[in-house]
Amino acid sequence: MRRLERRRRAARYGSRWGSQWRLALRKRADRGMTTAEYAMGTLAACAFAAVLFKVVTSGSVSSALSSLIGRALHAPV
């Protein structure tokens, strides 16, 4: 208990060791944030991919893409 109190007191008064202690505490507090941010980004990317897949496989878009590819392959050289 005394050791923790000394560290807190050193952090309060701005000693070199105290600044390292504050930095370590800050890093420890942010540990889970990157995991949550990656999870939200992955979820958003999967949702966007699902919507894009539905749009591309719909009838009108599929026929338009097929005609575009067909015209590109049968273009005179």
N, C-alpha and C. Protein backbone atom coordinates (compact mmCIF):
# COMPACT_ATOMS: atom_id res chain seq x y z
N MET A 1 0.82 -1.19 0.00
CA MET A 1 0.00 0.00 0.00
C MET A 1 0.87 1.26 0.00
N ARG A 2 1.93 1.25 0.76
CA ARG A 2 2.81 2.41 0.81
C ARG A 2 3.47 2.66 -0.53
N ARG A 3 3.83 1.59 -1.21
CA ARG A 3 4.49 1.72 -2.50
C ARG A 3 3.57 2.40 -3.51
N LEU A 4 2.31 2.00 -3.54
CA LEU A 4 1.34 2.60 -4.45
C LEU A 4 1.12 4.07 -4.10
N GLU A 5 1.07 4.37 -2.83
CA GLU A 5 0.89 5.76 -2.40
C GLU A 5 2.09 6.61 -2.81
N ARG A 6 3.29 6.07 -2.71
CA ARG A 6 4.48 6.82 -3.13
C ARG A 6 4.44 7.09 -4.63
N ARG A 7 4.00 6.11 -5.40
CA ARG A 7 3.90 6.30 -6.85
C ARG A 7 2.87 7.37 -7.19
N ARG A 8 1.75 7.33 -6.51
CA ARG A 8 0.72 8.34 -6.76
C ARG A 8 1.22 9.73 -6.39
N ARG A 9 1.92 9.84 -5.28
CA ARG A 9 2.45 11.12 -4.84
C ARG A 9 3.49 11.62 -5.84
N ALA A 10 4.35 10.73 -6.33
CA ALA A 10 5.36 11.13 -7.31
C ALA A 10 4.69 11.57 -8.61
N ALA A 11 3.63 10.90 -9.00
CA ALA A 11 2.92 11.28 -10.22
C ALA A 11 2.27 12.65 -10.05
N ARG A 12 1.78 12.93 -8.86
CA ARG A 12 1.12 14.21 -8.59
C ARG A 12 2.10 15.37 -8.68
N TYR A 13 3.32 15.17 -8.22
CA TYR A 13 4.27 16.28 -8.14
C TYR A 13 5.16 16.37 -9.37
N GLY A 14 4.96 15.53 -10.37
CA GLY A 14 5.63 15.70 -11.65
C GLY A 14 7.08 15.27 -11.71
N SER A 15 7.51 14.33 -10.92
CA SER A 15 8.88 13.86 -11.04
C SER A 15 9.01 13.03 -12.31
N ARG A 16 10.23 12.75 -12.69
CA ARG A 16 10.48 11.98 -13.91
C ARG A 16 9.84 10.60 -13.81
N TRP A 17 10.01 9.97 -12.67
CA TRP A 17 9.42 8.64 -12.46
C TRP A 17 7.91 8.74 -12.47
N GLY A 18 7.40 9.85 -11.93
CA GLY A 18 5.95 10.04 -11.90
C GLY A 18 5.36 10.17 -13.29
N SER A 19 6.08 10.82 -14.19
CA SER A 19 5.56 10.96 -15.55
C SER A 19 5.53 9.60 -16.25
N GLN A 20 6.50 8.76 -15.97
CA GLN A 20 6.48 7.41 -16.53
C GLN A 20 5.31 6.62 -15.98
N TRP A 21 5.02 6.82 -14.70
CA TRP A 21 3.90 6.13 -14.07
C TRP A 21 2.58 6.59 -14.70
N ARG A 22 2.43 7.89 -14.92
CA ARG A 22 1.21 8.41 -15.56
C ARG A 22 1.06 7.84 -16.96
N LEU A 23 2.16 7.77 -17.71
CA LEU A 23 2.11 7.21 -19.05
C LEU A 23 1.70 5.75 -19.03
N ALA A 24 2.22 5.00 -18.08
CA ALA A 24 1.84 3.59 -17.96
C ALA A 24 0.36 3.44 -17.62
N LEU A 25 -0.14 4.29 -16.75
CA LEU A 25 -1.56 4.25 -16.41
C LEU A 25 -2.42 4.60 -17.61
N ARG A 26 -2.00 5.59 -18.38
CA ARG A 26 -2.76 5.99 -19.56
C ARG A 26 -2.79 4.87 -20.60
N LYS A 27 -1.67 4.21 -20.80
CA LYS A 27 -1.63 3.10 -21.75
C LYS A 27 -2.53 1.96 -21.30
N ARG A 28 -2.53 1.69 -20.01
CA ARG A 28 -3.36 0.62 -19.47
C ARG A 28 -4.84 0.95 -19.65
N ALA A 29 -5.21 2.20 -19.51
CA ALA A 29 -6.61 2.61 -19.61
C ALA A 29 -7.12 2.49 -21.06
N ASP A 30 -6.24 2.67 -22.04
CA ASP A 30 -6.64 2.64 -23.45
C ASP A 30 -6.52 1.26 -24.08
N ARG A 31 -6.19 0.28 -23.30
CA ARG A 31 -5.91 -1.04 -23.85
C ARG A 31 -7.08 -1.62 -24.64
N GLY A 32 -8.30 -1.51 -24.15
CA GLY A 32 -9.45 -2.12 -24.81
C GLY A 32 -10.06 -1.27 -25.91
N MET A 33 -9.66 -0.02 -26.02
CA MET A 33 -10.28 0.87 -27.00
C MET A 33 -9.97 0.43 -28.43
N THR A 34 -8.76 0.02 -28.70
CA THR A 34 -8.43 -0.35 -30.07
C THR A 34 -9.20 -1.60 -30.49
N THR A 35 -9.40 -2.52 -29.58
CA THR A 35 -10.16 -3.72 -29.91
C THR A 35 -11.60 -3.37 -30.26
N ALA A 36 -12.20 -2.48 -29.51
CA ALA A 36 -13.58 -2.06 -29.79
C ALA A 36 -13.66 -1.31 -31.12
N GLU A 37 -12.67 -0.48 -31.41
CA GLU A 37 -12.67 0.25 -32.67
C GLU A 37 -12.51 -0.70 -33.85
N TYR A 38 -11.64 -1.67 -33.73
CA TYR A 38 -11.48 -2.65 -34.80
C TYR A 38 -12.75 -3.46 -35.00
N ALA A 39 -13.41 -3.81 -33.92
CA ALA A 39 -14.65 -4.57 -34.02
C ALA A 39 -15.72 -3.77 -34.74
N MET A 40 -15.85 -2.50 -34.42
CA MET A 40 -16.86 -1.66 -35.09
C MET A 40 -16.50 -1.47 -36.56
N GLY A 41 -15.23 -1.29 -36.87
CA GLY A 41 -14.81 -1.15 -38.27
C GLY A 41 -15.06 -2.42 -39.06
N THR A 42 -14.79 -3.57 -38.46
CA THR A 42 -15.04 -4.84 -39.12
C THR A 42 -16.52 -5.06 -39.36
N LEU A 43 -17.33 -4.71 -38.38
CA LEU A 43 -18.78 -4.84 -38.50
C LEU A 43 -19.30 -3.93 -39.62
N ALA A 44 -18.82 -2.70 -39.69
CA ALA A 44 -19.24 -1.78 -40.74
C ALA A 44 -18.81 -2.27 -42.12
N ALA A 45 -17.60 -2.82 -42.22
CA ALA A 45 -17.12 -3.34 -43.50
C ALA A 45 -17.94 -4.54 -43.96
N CYS A 46 -18.31 -5.41 -43.03
CA CYS A 46 -19.14 -6.57 -43.38
C CYS A 46 -20.54 -6.14 -43.82
N ALA A 47 -21.10 -5.15 -43.14
CA ALA A 47 -22.42 -4.65 -43.53
C ALA A 47 -22.37 -4.01 -44.91
N PHE A 48 -21.33 -3.24 -45.19
CA PHE A 48 -21.17 -2.62 -46.52
C PHE A 48 -20.99 -3.69 -47.59
N ALA A 49 -20.23 -4.73 -47.30
CA ALA A 49 -20.03 -5.81 -48.26
C ALA A 49 -21.34 -6.55 -48.53
N ALA A 50 -22.16 -6.75 -47.51
CA ALA A 50 -23.45 -7.43 -47.71
C ALA A 50 -24.38 -6.59 -48.58
N VAL A 51 -24.42 -5.29 -48.33
CA VAL A 51 -25.27 -4.41 -49.15
C VAL A 51 -24.76 -4.38 -50.58
N LEU A 52 -23.46 -4.28 -50.77
CA LEU A 52 -22.89 -4.26 -52.11
C LEU A 52 -23.16 -5.56 -52.85
N PHE A 53 -23.07 -6.68 -52.16
CA PHE A 53 -23.36 -7.98 -52.77
C PHE A 53 -24.81 -8.05 -53.23
N LYS A 54 -25.72 -7.57 -52.39
CA LYS A 54 -27.14 -7.58 -52.75
C LYS A 54 -27.40 -6.70 -53.97
N VAL A 55 -26.75 -5.55 -54.03
CA VAL A 55 -26.95 -4.64 -55.17
C VAL A 55 -26.40 -5.26 -56.44
N VAL A 56 -25.21 -5.82 -56.38
CA VAL A 56 -24.58 -6.38 -57.58
C VAL A 56 -25.32 -7.61 -58.08
N THR A 57 -25.89 -8.41 -57.19
CA THR A 57 -26.58 -9.63 -57.62
C THR A 57 -28.06 -9.39 -57.94
N SER A 58 -28.53 -8.16 -57.83
CA SER A 58 -29.93 -7.90 -58.20
C SER A 58 -30.08 -8.02 -59.71
N GLY A 59 -31.29 -8.21 -60.15
CA GLY A 59 -31.54 -8.47 -61.57
C GLY A 59 -31.11 -7.36 -62.50
N SER A 60 -31.49 -6.13 -62.22
CA SER A 60 -31.18 -5.03 -63.13
C SER A 60 -29.68 -4.75 -63.21
N VAL A 61 -29.00 -4.75 -62.09
CA VAL A 61 -27.56 -4.49 -62.09
C VAL A 61 -26.82 -5.65 -62.74
N SER A 62 -27.26 -6.86 -62.50
CA SER A 62 -26.61 -8.03 -63.09
C SER A 62 -26.73 -8.01 -64.61
N SER A 63 -27.91 -7.67 -65.13
CA SER A 63 -28.07 -7.61 -66.59
C SER A 63 -27.27 -6.46 -67.19
N ALA A 64 -27.20 -5.33 -66.50
CA ALA A 64 -26.41 -4.20 -67.00
C ALA A 64 -24.93 -4.56 -67.04
N LEU A 65 -24.43 -5.23 -66.00
CA LEU A 65 -23.03 -5.64 -66.00
C LEU A 65 -22.74 -6.67 -67.08
N SER A 66 -23.68 -7.59 -67.29
CA SER A 66 -23.49 -8.61 -68.33
C SER A 66 -23.44 -7.96 -69.71
N SER A 67 -24.32 -7.01 -69.98
CA SER A 67 -24.31 -6.35 -71.30
C SER A 67 -23.05 -5.51 -71.47
N LEU A 68 -22.59 -4.87 -70.41
CA LEU A 68 -21.36 -4.08 -70.49
C LEU A 68 -20.16 -4.96 -70.79
N ILE A 69 -20.07 -6.08 -70.12
CA ILE A 69 -18.95 -7.01 -70.35
C ILE A 69 -19.05 -7.60 -71.75
N GLY A 70 -20.28 -7.94 -72.17
CA GLY A 70 -20.46 -8.49 -73.52
C GLY A 70 -20.04 -7.50 -74.60
N ARG A 71 -20.42 -6.23 -74.44
CA ARG A 71 -20.01 -5.22 -75.43
C ARG A 71 -18.51 -5.02 -75.41
N ALA A 72 -17.88 -5.09 -74.24
CA ALA A 72 -16.44 -4.90 -74.16
C ALA A 72 -15.69 -6.06 -74.82
N LEU A 73 -16.22 -7.28 -74.72
CA LEU A 73 -15.55 -8.43 -75.32
C LEU A 73 -15.75 -8.50 -76.82
N HIS A 74 -16.86 -7.96 -77.32
CA HIS A 74 -17.14 -8.03 -78.76
C HIS A 74 -16.82 -6.73 -79.46
N ALA A 75 -16.03 -5.89 -78.86
CA ALA A 75 -15.65 -4.62 -79.48
C ALA A 75 -14.66 -4.87 -80.61
N PRO A 76 -14.83 -4.16 -81.72
CA PRO A 76 -13.88 -4.35 -82.84
C PRO A 76 -12.50 -3.80 -82.47
N VAL A 77 -11.52 -4.53 -82.91
CA VAL A 77 -10.13 -4.14 -82.59
C VAL A 77 -9.52 -3.39 -83.74
